[in-house]
Amino acid sequence: MQRRDAGFNFTGIGTSWCILVDDAELREDVRSDILDYMRVFNGRFSRFLDDSEACAFKKAAAGEYQISEEFAALLARADELRNLTHGLYDPAVGGLLEQAGYDSTYSMAPRPGVAKFILPKWEVRGQTLSLDGPAVFDLGGMGKGYCIDRIADTLARSGYEHYLVDGGGDMYGTSKQGGELWRVALEYPGKPDTAAGMTLLNNEGIAVSDTFRRRWGGWHHIVHPFSRLPVEEVLGVAALAPTAWDADCATSALFFANPEEYAAVGESFNAKYLVFRSDGTTAVSADWDGELFI
């Protein structure tokens, strides 16, 4: 990706961030607002913090609980993904990830209970969360895209018109000041020195996800909630959509969808996509308009 300067770099929610503002300086007050938001979001929704809202129900009894408006909005979108994937995407898989060793201490050692994990049942209505017992919610499949859009909103409210928000490879980009677009290279999953293609961002988001960045033993961070095993049929996914949140949600759904369902997933989020499958094939949406080198 071409960059004119080093941008505003920081870390948050477990990844590195870079914000580029084309032909302008990012004011200190805006930088502070962005860092404050990231700190608050991480504190409220990180699965690795025992006092976060995502972990608030780790020892909960069956019943109904009042949750914050923002957590309710995140879980409502997660419920859409759950329905779209026939229950295979579920943020309550956080408990399974912990049993598999991807926990707050990063033990990376599966526990005996991983083979007996039962996905908790939950439902959200308004700001009421119903549970059938303890649950740990993992928002990693869509939380980053949500944060990217909130940062983009902050930039727009602060008077910036031309910018790129890059959160660990997931992005939202406007056009540049002179009408040029942000050019983004797409890495082939598991091959950091190999570009699978190139695309341009024009007031839209892009999300990428693969099974190689967080691996330990025979595990990685995308797991099947019913078989209690890592997903192996798909190596990685890239999606372009009107927002980073939509793109992030599309990648999560595509990991669990059958090939014949890819087009429906794309339509649900108005997303263009690439799906890199473990059999060496790549599914490309009919409306993908970037360059492909594969």
C-alpha atoms as a PDB file:
ATOM      1  CA  MET A   1       0.000   0.000   0.000  1.00  0.00           C
ATOM      2  CA  GLN A   2       1.390   3.409  -0.919  1.00  0.00           C
ATOM      3  CA  ARG A   3       1.839   5.855   1.960  1.00  0.00           C
ATOM      4  CA  ARG A   4       2.939   9.481   1.977  1.00  0.00           C
ATOM      5  CA  ASP A   5       4.067   9.545   5.610  1.00  0.00           C
ATOM      6  CA  ALA A   6       4.385   7.383   8.676  1.00  0.00           C
ATOM      7  CA  GLY A   7       0.887   8.288   9.834  1.00  0.00           C
ATOM      8  CA  PHE A   8      -0.435   8.007  13.378  1.00  0.00           C
ATOM      9  CA  ASN A   9       0.627   4.613  14.744  1.00  0.00           C
ATOM     10  CA  PHE A  10      -0.524   2.928  17.940  1.00  0.00           C
ATOM     11  CA  THR A  11      -1.606  -0.440  19.306  1.00  0.00           C
ATOM     12  CA  GLY A  12      -5.089  -1.389  20.447  1.00  0.00           C
ATOM     13  CA  ILE A  13      -7.363  -4.434  20.868  1.00  0.00           C
ATOM     14  CA  GLY A  14      -4.405  -6.707  20.239  1.00  0.00           C
ATOM     15  CA  THR A  15      -3.194  -5.317  16.924  1.00  0.00           C
ATOM     16  CA  SER A  16      -1.259  -2.433  15.367  1.00  0.00           C
ATOM     17  CA  TRP A  17      -3.031   0.586  13.879  1.00  0.00           C
ATOM     18  CA  CYS A  18      -2.079   3.296  11.421  1.00  0.00           C
ATOM     19  CA  ILE A  19      -4.188   6.322  10.487  1.00  0.00           C
ATOM     20  CA  LEU A  20      -3.260   8.331   7.417  1.00  0.00           C
ATOM     21  CA  VAL A  21      -4.801  11.708   6.649  1.00  0.00           C
ATOM     22  CA  ASP A  22      -4.079  12.826   3.093  1.00  0.00           C
ATOM     23  CA  ASP A  23      -2.375  16.240   2.854  1.00  0.00           C
ATOM     24  CA  ALA A  24      -3.243  17.221   6.427  1.00  0.00           C
ATOM     25  CA  GLU A  25      -1.985  16.904   9.976  1.00  0.00           C
ATOM     26  CA  LEU A  26      -3.933  14.817  12.472  1.00  0.00           C
ATOM     27  CA  ARG A  27      -4.525  17.155  15.409  1.00  0.00           C
ATOM     28  CA  GLU A  28      -3.454  16.161  18.914  1.00  0.00           C
ATOM     29  CA  ASP A  29      -7.003  16.401  20.262  1.00  0.00           C
ATOM     30  CA  VAL A  30      -8.232  13.957  17.601  1.00  0.00           C
ATOM     31  CA  ARG A  31      -5.374  11.578  18.371  1.00  0.00           C
ATOM     32  CA  SER A  32      -6.339  11.695  22.043  1.00  0.00           C
ATOM     33  CA  ASP A  33     -10.002  11.042  21.227  1.00  0.00           C
ATOM     34  CA  ILE A  34      -9.043   7.987  19.171  1.00  0.00           C
ATOM     35  CA  LEU A  35      -6.770   6.559  21.850  1.00  0.00           C
ATOM     36  CA  ASP A  36      -9.413   7.162  24.525  1.00  0.00           C
ATOM     37  CA  TYR A  37     -12.029   5.342  22.472  1.00  0.00           C
ATOM     38  CA  MET A  38      -9.760   2.356  21.874  1.00  0.00           C
ATOM     39  CA  ARG A  39      -8.913   2.135  25.579  1.00  0.00           C
ATOM     40  CA  VAL A  40     -12.571   2.221  26.572  1.00  0.00           C
ATOM     41  CA  PHE A  41     -13.641  -0.300  23.921  1.00  0.00           C
ATOM     42  CA  ASN A  42     -10.909  -2.729  24.900  1.00  0.00           C
ATOM     43  CA  GLY A  43     -11.726  -2.370  28.587  1.00  0.00           C
ATOM     44  CA  ARG A  44     -15.392  -3.045  27.993  1.00  0.00           C
ATOM     45  CA  PHE A  45     -15.320  -5.826  25.422  1.00  0.00           C
ATOM     46  CA  SER A  46     -12.007  -7.692  25.574  1.00  0.00           C
ATOM     47  CA  ARG A  47     -12.348 -11.406  26.273  1.00  0.00           C
ATOM     48  CA  PHE A  48      -8.987 -11.278  28.028  1.00  0.00           C
ATOM     49  CA  LEU A  49     -10.102  -8.914  30.808  1.00  0.00           C
ATOM     50  CA  ASP A  50     -12.119 -10.495  33.620  1.00  0.00           C
ATOM     51  CA  ASP A  51     -13.933  -7.242  34.413  1.00  0.00           C
ATOM     52  CA  SER A  52     -15.077  -6.602  30.825  1.00  0.00           C
ATOM     53  CA  GLU A  53     -18.684  -6.929  29.710  1.00  0.00           C
ATOM     54  CA  ALA A  54     -17.677  -9.771  27.377  1.00  0.00           C
ATOM     55  CA  CYS A  55     -16.530 -11.765  30.433  1.00  0.00           C
ATOM     56  CA  ALA A  56     -19.250 -10.597  32.823  1.00  0.00           C
ATOM     57  CA  PHE A  57     -21.214 -13.828  32.379  1.00  0.00           C
ATOM     58  CA  LYS A  58     -18.374 -16.312  32.801  1.00  0.00           C
ATOM     59  CA  LYS A  59     -19.989 -17.657  35.993  1.00  0.00           C
ATOM     60  CA  ALA A  60     -23.552 -16.535  35.363  1.00  0.00           C
ATOM     61  CA  ALA A  61     -26.590 -18.598  36.274  1.00  0.00           C
ATOM     62  CA  ALA A  62     -29.358 -19.104  33.750  1.00  0.00           C
ATOM     63  CA  GLY A  63     -31.538 -16.026  33.518  1.00  0.00           C
ATOM     64  CA  GLU A  64     -31.997 -12.568  32.007  1.00  0.00           C
ATOM     65  CA  TYR A  65     -29.461  -9.756  32.344  1.00  0.00           C
ATOM     66  CA  GLN A  66     -29.424  -6.091  31.386  1.00  0.00           C
ATOM     67  CA  ILE A  67     -26.498  -5.125  29.139  1.00  0.00           C
ATOM     68  CA  SER A  68     -25.196  -1.872  27.694  1.00  0.00           C
ATOM     69  CA  GLU A  69     -26.628  -0.406  24.509  1.00  0.00           C
ATOM     70  CA  GLU A  70     -23.344  -0.898  22.631  1.00  0.00           C
ATOM     71  CA  PHE A  71     -22.929  -4.525  23.732  1.00  0.00           C
ATOM     72  CA  ALA A  72     -26.540  -5.158  22.723  1.00  0.00           C
ATOM     73  CA  ALA A  73     -25.854  -3.713  19.246  1.00  0.00           C
ATOM     74  CA  LEU A  74     -22.774  -5.906  18.841  1.00  0.00           C
ATOM     75  CA  LEU A  75     -24.624  -9.041  19.946  1.00  0.00           C
ATOM     76  CA  ALA A  76     -27.576  -8.205  17.696  1.00  0.00           C
ATOM     77  CA  ARG A  77     -25.252  -8.140  14.695  1.00  0.00           C
ATOM     78  CA  ALA A  78     -23.608 -11.342  15.942  1.00  0.00           C
ATOM     79  CA  ASP A  79     -27.049 -12.941  16.065  1.00  0.00           C
ATOM     80  CA  GLU A  80     -27.556 -12.025  12.400  1.00  0.00           C
ATOM     81  CA  LEU A  81     -24.285 -13.774  11.606  1.00  0.00           C
ATOM     82  CA  ARG A  82     -25.302 -16.758  13.707  1.00  0.00           C
ATOM     83  CA  ASN A  83     -28.546 -17.126  11.753  1.00  0.00           C
ATOM     84  CA  LEU A  84     -26.779 -16.647   8.419  1.00  0.00           C
ATOM     85  CA  THR A  85     -24.259 -19.409   9.211  1.00  0.00           C
ATOM     86  CA  HIS A  86     -26.743 -21.858  10.725  1.00  0.00           C
ATOM     87  CA  GLY A  87     -25.214 -21.358  14.161  1.00  0.00           C
ATOM     88  CA  LEU A  88     -21.577 -21.881  13.131  1.00  0.00           C
ATOM     89  CA  TYR A  89     -20.550 -18.293  13.838  1.00  0.00           C
ATOM     90  CA  ASP A  90     -21.281 -17.637  17.491  1.00  0.00           C
ATOM     91  CA  PRO A  91     -19.439 -15.195  19.800  1.00  0.00           C
ATOM     92  CA  ALA A  92     -20.158 -17.539  22.717  1.00  0.00           C
ATOM     93  CA  VAL A  93     -17.370 -19.708  21.268  1.00  0.00           C
ATOM     94  CA  GLY A  94     -15.090 -17.649  23.528  1.00  0.00           C
ATOM     95  CA  GLY A  95     -15.394 -20.393  26.140  1.00  0.00           C
ATOM     96  CA  LEU A  96     -14.182 -22.996  23.643  1.00  0.00           C
ATOM     97  CA  LEU A  97     -11.195 -20.822  22.700  1.00  0.00           C
ATOM     98  CA  GLU A  98     -10.290 -20.584  26.373  1.00  0.00           C
ATOM     99  CA  GLN A  99     -10.528 -24.355  26.769  1.00  0.00           C
ATOM    100  CA  ALA A 100      -8.322 -24.719  23.686  1.00  0.00           C
ATOM    101  CA  GLY A 101      -5.636 -22.585  25.346  1.00  0.00           C
ATOM    102  CA  TYR A 102      -6.291 -19.196  23.753  1.00  0.00           C
ATOM    103  CA  ASP A 103      -6.993 -17.617  27.125  1.00  0.00           C
ATOM    104  CA  SER A 104      -6.045 -14.479  29.051  1.00  0.00           C
ATOM    105  CA  THR A 105      -2.673 -15.989  30.026  1.00  0.00           C
ATOM    106  CA  TYR A 106      -1.992 -17.200  26.467  1.00  0.00           C
ATOM    107  CA  SER A 107      -1.246 -20.654  27.833  1.00  0.00           C
ATOM    108  CA  MET A 108      -1.728 -22.107  24.330  1.00  0.00           C
ATOM    109  CA  ALA A 109      -2.222 -25.513  25.901  1.00  0.00           C
ATOM    110  CA  PRO A 110      -5.583 -27.248  25.323  1.00  0.00           C
ATOM    111  CA  ARG A 111      -7.356 -28.334  28.513  1.00  0.00           C
ATOM    112  CA  PRO A 112      -9.116 -31.687  28.955  1.00  0.00           C
ATOM    113  CA  GLY A 113     -12.496 -29.929  28.908  1.00  0.00           C
ATOM    114  CA  VAL A 114     -12.139 -28.797  25.310  1.00  0.00           C
ATOM    115  CA  ALA A 115     -13.616 -32.050  23.970  1.00  0.00           C
ATOM    116  CA  LYS A 116     -16.696 -31.673  26.173  1.00  0.00           C
ATOM    117  CA  PHE A 117     -17.411 -28.006  25.530  1.00  0.00           C
ATOM    118  CA  ILE A 118     -21.101 -27.261  24.987  1.00  0.00           C
ATOM    119  CA  LEU A 119     -21.967 -23.998  23.272  1.00  0.00           C
ATOM    120  CA  PRO A 120     -24.138 -21.925  25.632  1.00  0.00           C
ATOM    121  CA  LYS A 121     -27.513 -20.765  24.398  1.00  0.00           C
ATOM    122  CA  TRP A 122     -28.206 -17.044  24.395  1.00  0.00           C
ATOM    123  CA  GLU A 123     -30.668 -14.542  23.008  1.00  0.00           C
ATOM    124  CA  VAL A 124     -30.679 -10.751  22.958  1.00  0.00           C
ATOM    125  CA  ARG A 125     -33.832  -8.620  22.882  1.00  0.00           C
ATOM    126  CA  GLY A 126     -33.213  -4.921  23.109  1.00  0.00           C
ATOM    127  CA  GLN A 127     -30.806  -4.566  26.023  1.00  0.00           C
ATOM    128  CA  THR A 128     -31.850  -7.833  27.669  1.00  0.00           C
ATOM    129  CA  LEU A 129     -29.548 -10.838  27.343  1.00  0.00           C
ATOM    130  CA  SER A 130     -30.994 -14.270  28.117  1.00  0.00           C
ATOM    131  CA  LEU A 131     -28.594 -17.108  28.952  1.00  0.00           C
ATOM    132  CA  ASP A 132     -28.940 -20.771  29.838  1.00  0.00           C
ATOM    133  CA  GLY A 133     -25.767 -20.631  31.934  1.00  0.00           C
ATOM    134  CA  PRO A 134     -22.166 -19.355  31.914  1.00  0.00           C
ATOM    135  CA  ALA A 135     -20.897 -17.763  28.701  1.00  0.00           C
ATOM    136  CA  VAL A 136     -17.762 -16.004  27.470  1.00  0.00           C
ATOM    137  CA  PHE A 137     -18.258 -13.803  24.407  1.00  0.00           C
ATOM    138  CA  ASP A 138     -15.538 -13.313  21.816  1.00  0.00           C
ATOM    139  CA  LEU A 139     -16.136 -10.355  19.480  1.00  0.00           C
ATOM    140  CA  GLY A 140     -12.955 -10.906  17.481  1.00  0.00           C
ATOM    141  CA  GLY A 141     -14.846 -11.838  14.330  1.00  0.00           C
ATOM    142  CA  MET A 142     -16.353  -8.390  13.930  1.00  0.00           C
ATOM    143  CA  GLY A 143     -15.194  -6.050  16.710  1.00  0.00           C
ATOM    144  CA  LYS A 144     -12.232  -4.656  14.804  1.00  0.00           C
ATOM    145  CA  GLY A 145     -14.345  -3.605  11.823  1.00  0.00           C
ATOM    146  CA  TYR A 146     -16.769  -1.937  14.210  1.00  0.00           C
ATOM    147  CA  CYS A 147     -13.887   0.029  15.815  1.00  0.00           C
ATOM    148  CA  ILE A 148     -12.507   1.072  12.424  1.00  0.00           C
ATOM    149  CA  ASP A 149     -15.857   2.608  11.507  1.00  0.00           C
ATOM    150  CA  ARG A 150     -16.083   4.432  14.842  1.00  0.00           C
ATOM    151  CA  ILE A 151     -12.612   5.920  14.281  1.00  0.00           C
ATOM    152  CA  ALA A 152     -13.621   6.914  10.747  1.00  0.00           C
ATOM    153  CA  ASP A 153     -16.682   8.629  12.240  1.00  0.00           C
ATOM    154  CA  THR A 154     -14.395  10.531  14.616  1.00  0.00           C
ATOM    155  CA  LEU A 155     -12.229  11.723  11.731  1.00  0.00           C
ATOM    156  CA  ALA A 156     -15.244  12.834   9.716  1.00  0.00           C
ATOM    157  CA  ARG A 157     -16.748  14.718  12.677  1.00  0.00           C
ATOM    158  CA  SER A 158     -13.380  16.409  13.192  1.00  0.00           C
ATOM    159  CA  GLY A 159     -13.448  17.828   9.680  1.00  0.00           C
ATOM    160  CA  TYR A 160     -11.220  15.363   7.834  1.00  0.00           C
ATOM    161  CA  GLU A 161     -12.421  14.229   4.415  1.00  0.00           C
ATOM    162  CA  HIS A 162      -9.550  12.138   3.020  1.00  0.00           C
ATOM    163  CA  TYR A 163      -8.112   9.391   5.203  1.00  0.00           C
ATOM    164  CA  LEU A 164      -7.307   5.712   5.661  1.00  0.00           C
ATOM    165  CA  VAL A 165      -7.866   3.815   8.912  1.00  0.00           C
ATOM    166  CA  ASP A 166      -5.790   0.627   9.016  1.00  0.00           C
ATOM    167  CA  GLY A 167      -6.433  -1.719  11.926  1.00  0.00           C
ATOM    168  CA  GLY A 168      -4.079  -4.673  11.526  1.00  0.00           C
ATOM    169  CA  GLY A 169      -4.828  -5.053   7.824  1.00  0.00           C
ATOM    170  CA  ASP A 170      -8.572  -4.362   8.022  1.00  0.00           C
ATOM    171  CA  MET A 171      -9.262  -0.869   6.716  1.00  0.00           C
ATOM    172  CA  TYR A 172     -11.653   1.896   5.788  1.00  0.00           C
ATOM    173  CA  GLY A 173     -10.539   4.397   3.165  1.00  0.00           C
ATOM    174  CA  THR A 174     -12.067   7.439   1.544  1.00  0.00           C
ATOM    175  CA  SER A 175     -10.591   8.795  -1.670  1.00  0.00           C
ATOM    176  CA  LYS A 176      -7.459  10.938  -1.522  1.00  0.00           C
ATOM    177  CA  GLN A 177      -7.603  14.703  -1.863  1.00  0.00           C
ATOM    178  CA  GLY A 178      -6.773  14.720  -5.572  1.00  0.00           C
ATOM    179  CA  GLY A 179      -9.236  11.932  -6.398  1.00  0.00           C
ATOM    180  CA  GLU A 180      -6.620   9.174  -6.322  1.00  0.00           C
ATOM    181  CA  LEU A 181      -7.694   6.027  -4.458  1.00  0.00           C
ATOM    182  CA  TRP A 182      -5.957   4.075  -1.694  1.00  0.00           C
ATOM    183  CA  ARG A 183      -4.231   1.071  -3.280  1.00  0.00           C
ATOM    184  CA  VAL A 184      -4.101  -2.063  -1.128  1.00  0.00           C
ATOM    185  CA  ALA A 185      -2.199  -5.305  -1.745  1.00  0.00           C
ATOM    186  CA  LEU A 186      -3.858  -8.558  -0.683  1.00  0.00           C
ATOM    187  CA  GLU A 187      -1.581 -11.172   0.883  1.00  0.00           C
ATOM    188  CA  TYR A 188      -2.074 -14.812  -0.034  1.00  0.00           C
ATOM    189  CA  PRO A 189      -2.975 -16.647   3.199  1.00  0.00           C
ATOM    190  CA  GLY A 190       0.072 -18.128   4.865  1.00  0.00           C
ATOM    191  CA  LYS A 191       2.486 -16.589   2.328  1.00  0.00           C
ATOM    192  CA  PRO A 192       3.446 -13.118   3.597  1.00  0.00           C
ATOM    193  CA  ASP A 193       5.743 -12.498   0.609  1.00  0.00           C
ATOM    194  CA  THR A 194       3.113 -13.390  -1.985  1.00  0.00           C
ATOM    195  CA  ALA A 195       0.447 -10.955  -3.183  1.00  0.00           C
ATOM    196  CA  ALA A 196      -2.814 -12.576  -4.239  1.00  0.00           C
ATOM    197  CA  GLY A 197      -4.066  -9.371  -5.789  1.00  0.00           C
ATOM    198  CA  MET A 198      -4.562  -5.637  -5.535  1.00  0.00           C
ATOM    199  CA  THR A 199      -7.611  -3.499  -4.954  1.00  0.00           C
ATOM    200  CA  LEU A 200      -8.577   0.143  -4.506  1.00  0.00           C
ATOM    201  CA  LEU A 201     -10.547   1.692  -1.641  1.00  0.00           C
ATOM    202  CA  ASN A 202     -13.067   4.414  -2.424  1.00  0.00           C
ATOM    203  CA  ASN A 203     -15.241   5.211   0.596  1.00  0.00           C
ATOM    204  CA  GLU A 204     -15.400   1.553   1.594  1.00  0.00           C
ATOM    205  CA  GLY A 205     -13.969  -0.980   3.983  1.00  0.00           C
ATOM    206  CA  ILE A 206     -11.870  -4.069   3.494  1.00  0.00           C
ATOM    207  CA  ALA A 207     -11.364  -6.972   5.894  1.00  0.00           C
ATOM    208  CA  VAL A 208      -8.993  -9.908   5.638  1.00  0.00           C
ATOM    209  CA  SER A 209      -8.786 -12.979   7.830  1.00  0.00           C
ATOM    210  CA  ASP A 210      -6.778 -16.170   7.724  1.00  0.00           C
ATOM    211  CA  THR A 211      -5.918 -19.190   9.850  1.00  0.00           C
ATOM    212  CA  PHE A 212      -2.162 -18.571  10.008  1.00  0.00           C
ATOM    213  CA  ARG A 213      -1.605 -15.557  12.270  1.00  0.00           C
ATOM    214  CA  ARG A 214      -2.819 -17.115  15.512  1.00  0.00           C
ATOM    215  CA  ARG A 215      -1.811 -20.778  15.545  1.00  0.00           C
ATOM    216  CA  TRP A 216      -0.686 -23.035  18.367  1.00  0.00           C
ATOM    217  CA  GLY A 217      -0.176 -26.773  18.069  1.00  0.00           C
ATOM    218  CA  GLY A 218      -2.913 -28.057  15.812  1.00  0.00           C
ATOM    219  CA  TRP A 219      -5.203 -25.123  16.651  1.00  0.00           C
ATOM    220  CA  HIS A 220      -5.988 -21.699  15.291  1.00  0.00           C
ATOM    221  CA  HIS A 221      -8.457 -19.004  16.353  1.00  0.00           C
ATOM    222  CA  ILE A 222     -11.332 -19.885  13.989  1.00  0.00           C
ATOM    223  CA  VAL A 223     -13.072 -22.911  15.442  1.00  0.00           C
ATOM    224  CA  HIS A 224     -16.163 -24.955  14.679  1.00  0.00           C
ATOM    225  CA  PRO A 225     -18.442 -24.677  17.729  1.00  0.00           C
ATOM    226  CA  PHE A 226     -20.031 -28.121  17.322  1.00  0.00           C
ATOM    227  CA  SER A 227     -17.128 -30.320  16.227  1.00  0.00           C
ATOM    228  CA  ARG A 228     -14.874 -28.369  18.661  1.00  0.00           C
ATOM    229  CA  LEU A 229     -12.104 -28.352  16.062  1.00  0.00           C
ATOM    230  CA  PRO A 230     -10.403 -25.645  13.984  1.00  0.00           C
ATOM    231  CA  VAL A 231     -11.961 -24.817  10.613  1.00  0.00           C
ATOM    232  CA  GLU A 232      -9.757 -26.327   7.901  1.00  0.00           C
ATOM    233  CA  GLU A 233     -11.740 -25.999   4.658  1.00  0.00           C
ATOM    234  CA  VAL A 234     -10.907 -22.283   4.262  1.00  0.00           C
ATOM    235  CA  LEU A 235      -7.421 -20.768   4.536  1.00  0.00           C
ATOM    236  CA  GLY A 236      -8.406 -17.129   4.330  1.00  0.00           C
ATOM    237  CA  VAL A 237     -10.986 -14.600   3.185  1.00  0.00           C
ATOM    238  CA  ALA A 238     -10.950 -11.014   1.927  1.00  0.00           C
ATOM    239  CA  ALA A 239     -14.066  -8.864   1.588  1.00  0.00           C
ATOM    240  CA  LEU A 240     -14.853  -5.327   0.391  1.00  0.00           C
ATOM    241  CA  ALA A 241     -18.025  -3.624   1.628  1.00  0.00           C
ATOM    242  CA  PRO A 242     -19.480  -0.138   2.221  1.00  0.00           C
ATOM    243  CA  THR A 243     -18.207  -0.211   5.825  1.00  0.00           C
ATOM    244  CA  ALA A 244     -15.362  -1.960   7.607  1.00  0.00           C
ATOM    245  CA  TRP A 245     -17.892  -3.581   9.942  1.00  0.00           C
ATOM    246  CA  ASP A 246     -19.816  -5.065   7.020  1.00  0.00           C
ATOM    247  CA  ALA A 247     -16.564  -6.313   5.480  1.00  0.00           C
ATOM    248  CA  ASP A 248     -15.451  -7.855   8.789  1.00  0.00           C
ATOM    249  CA  CYS A 249     -18.797  -9.582   9.264  1.00  0.00           C
ATOM    250  CA  ALA A 250     -18.710 -10.903   5.700  1.00  0.00           C
ATOM    251  CA  THR A 251     -15.291 -12.525   6.235  1.00  0.00           C
ATOM    252  CA  SER A 252     -16.542 -14.203   9.418  1.00  0.00           C
ATOM    253  CA  ALA A 253     -19.615 -15.592   7.680  1.00  0.00           C
ATOM    254  CA  LEU A 254     -17.680 -16.750   4.615  1.00  0.00           C
ATOM    255  CA  PHE A 255     -15.334 -18.835   6.768  1.00  0.00           C
ATOM    256  CA  PHE A 256     -18.292 -20.972   7.833  1.00  0.00           C
ATOM    257  CA  ALA A 257     -20.465 -20.865   4.704  1.00  0.00           C
ATOM    258  CA  ASN A 258     -20.717 -23.596   2.114  1.00  0.00           C
ATOM    259  CA  PRO A 259     -19.476 -22.528  -1.351  1.00  0.00           C
ATOM    260  CA  GLU A 260     -23.026 -22.418  -2.681  1.00  0.00           C
ATOM    261  CA  GLU A 261     -23.860 -19.909   0.055  1.00  0.00           C
ATOM    262  CA  TYR A 262     -21.048 -17.444  -0.690  1.00  0.00           C
ATOM    263  CA  ALA A 263     -23.151 -15.274  -3.006  1.00  0.00           C
ATOM    264  CA  ALA A 264     -25.920 -14.987  -0.405  1.00  0.00           C
ATOM    265  CA  VAL A 265     -23.393 -13.920   2.239  1.00  0.00           C
ATOM    266  CA  GLY A 266     -22.012 -11.297  -0.117  1.00  0.00           C
ATOM    267  CA  GLU A 267     -25.505 -10.007  -0.813  1.00  0.00           C
ATOM    268  CA  SER A 268     -26.311  -9.822   2.913  1.00  0.00           C
ATOM    269  CA  PHE A 269     -23.439  -7.374   3.508  1.00  0.00           C
ATOM    270  CA  ASN A 270     -23.243  -5.837   0.020  1.00  0.00           C
ATOM    271  CA  ALA A 271     -19.743  -7.337  -0.073  1.00  0.00           C
ATOM    272  CA  LYS A 272     -17.345  -8.412  -2.798  1.00  0.00           C
ATOM    273  CA  TYR A 273     -15.139 -11.290  -1.707  1.00  0.00           C
ATOM    274  CA  LEU A 274     -12.307 -13.742  -2.232  1.00  0.00           C
ATOM    275  CA  VAL A 275     -12.336 -17.094  -0.443  1.00  0.00           C
ATOM    276  CA  PHE A 276      -9.065 -19.052  -0.440  1.00  0.00           C
ATOM    277  CA  ARG A 277      -9.892 -22.702   0.124  1.00  0.00           C
ATOM    278  CA  SER A 278      -7.568 -25.406   1.417  1.00  0.00           C
ATOM    279  CA  ASP A 279      -8.030 -27.474  -1.768  1.00  0.00           C
ATOM    280  CA  GLY A 280      -6.124 -24.785  -3.697  1.00  0.00           C
ATOM    281  CA  THR A 281      -9.168 -23.172  -5.306  1.00  0.00           C
ATOM    282  CA  THR A 282     -10.240 -19.554  -4.858  1.00  0.00           C
ATOM    283  CA  ALA A 283     -13.873 -18.427  -4.976  1.00  0.00           C
ATOM    284  CA  VAL A 284     -14.251 -14.929  -6.425  1.00  0.00           C
ATOM    285  CA  SER A 285     -17.461 -12.934  -6.309  1.00  0.00           C
ATOM    286  CA  ALA A 286     -18.873 -11.949  -9.684  1.00  0.00           C
ATOM    287  CA  ASP A 287     -18.549  -8.242  -8.875  1.00  0.00           C
ATOM    288  CA  TRP A 288     -14.934  -8.299  -7.636  1.00  0.00           C
ATOM    289  CA  ASP A 289     -13.186  -5.531  -9.536  1.00  0.00           C
ATOM    290  CA  GLY A 290      -9.615  -5.620  -8.199  1.00  0.00           C
ATOM    291  CA  GLU A 291      -6.559  -7.182  -9.801  1.00  0.00           C
ATOM    292  CA  LEU A 292      -5.902 -10.878  -9.105  1.00  0.00           C
ATOM    293  CA  PHE A 293      -2.513 -12.541  -9.462  1.00  0.00           C
ATOM    294  CA  ILE A 294      -3.640 -16.081  -8.602  1.00  0.00           C
END
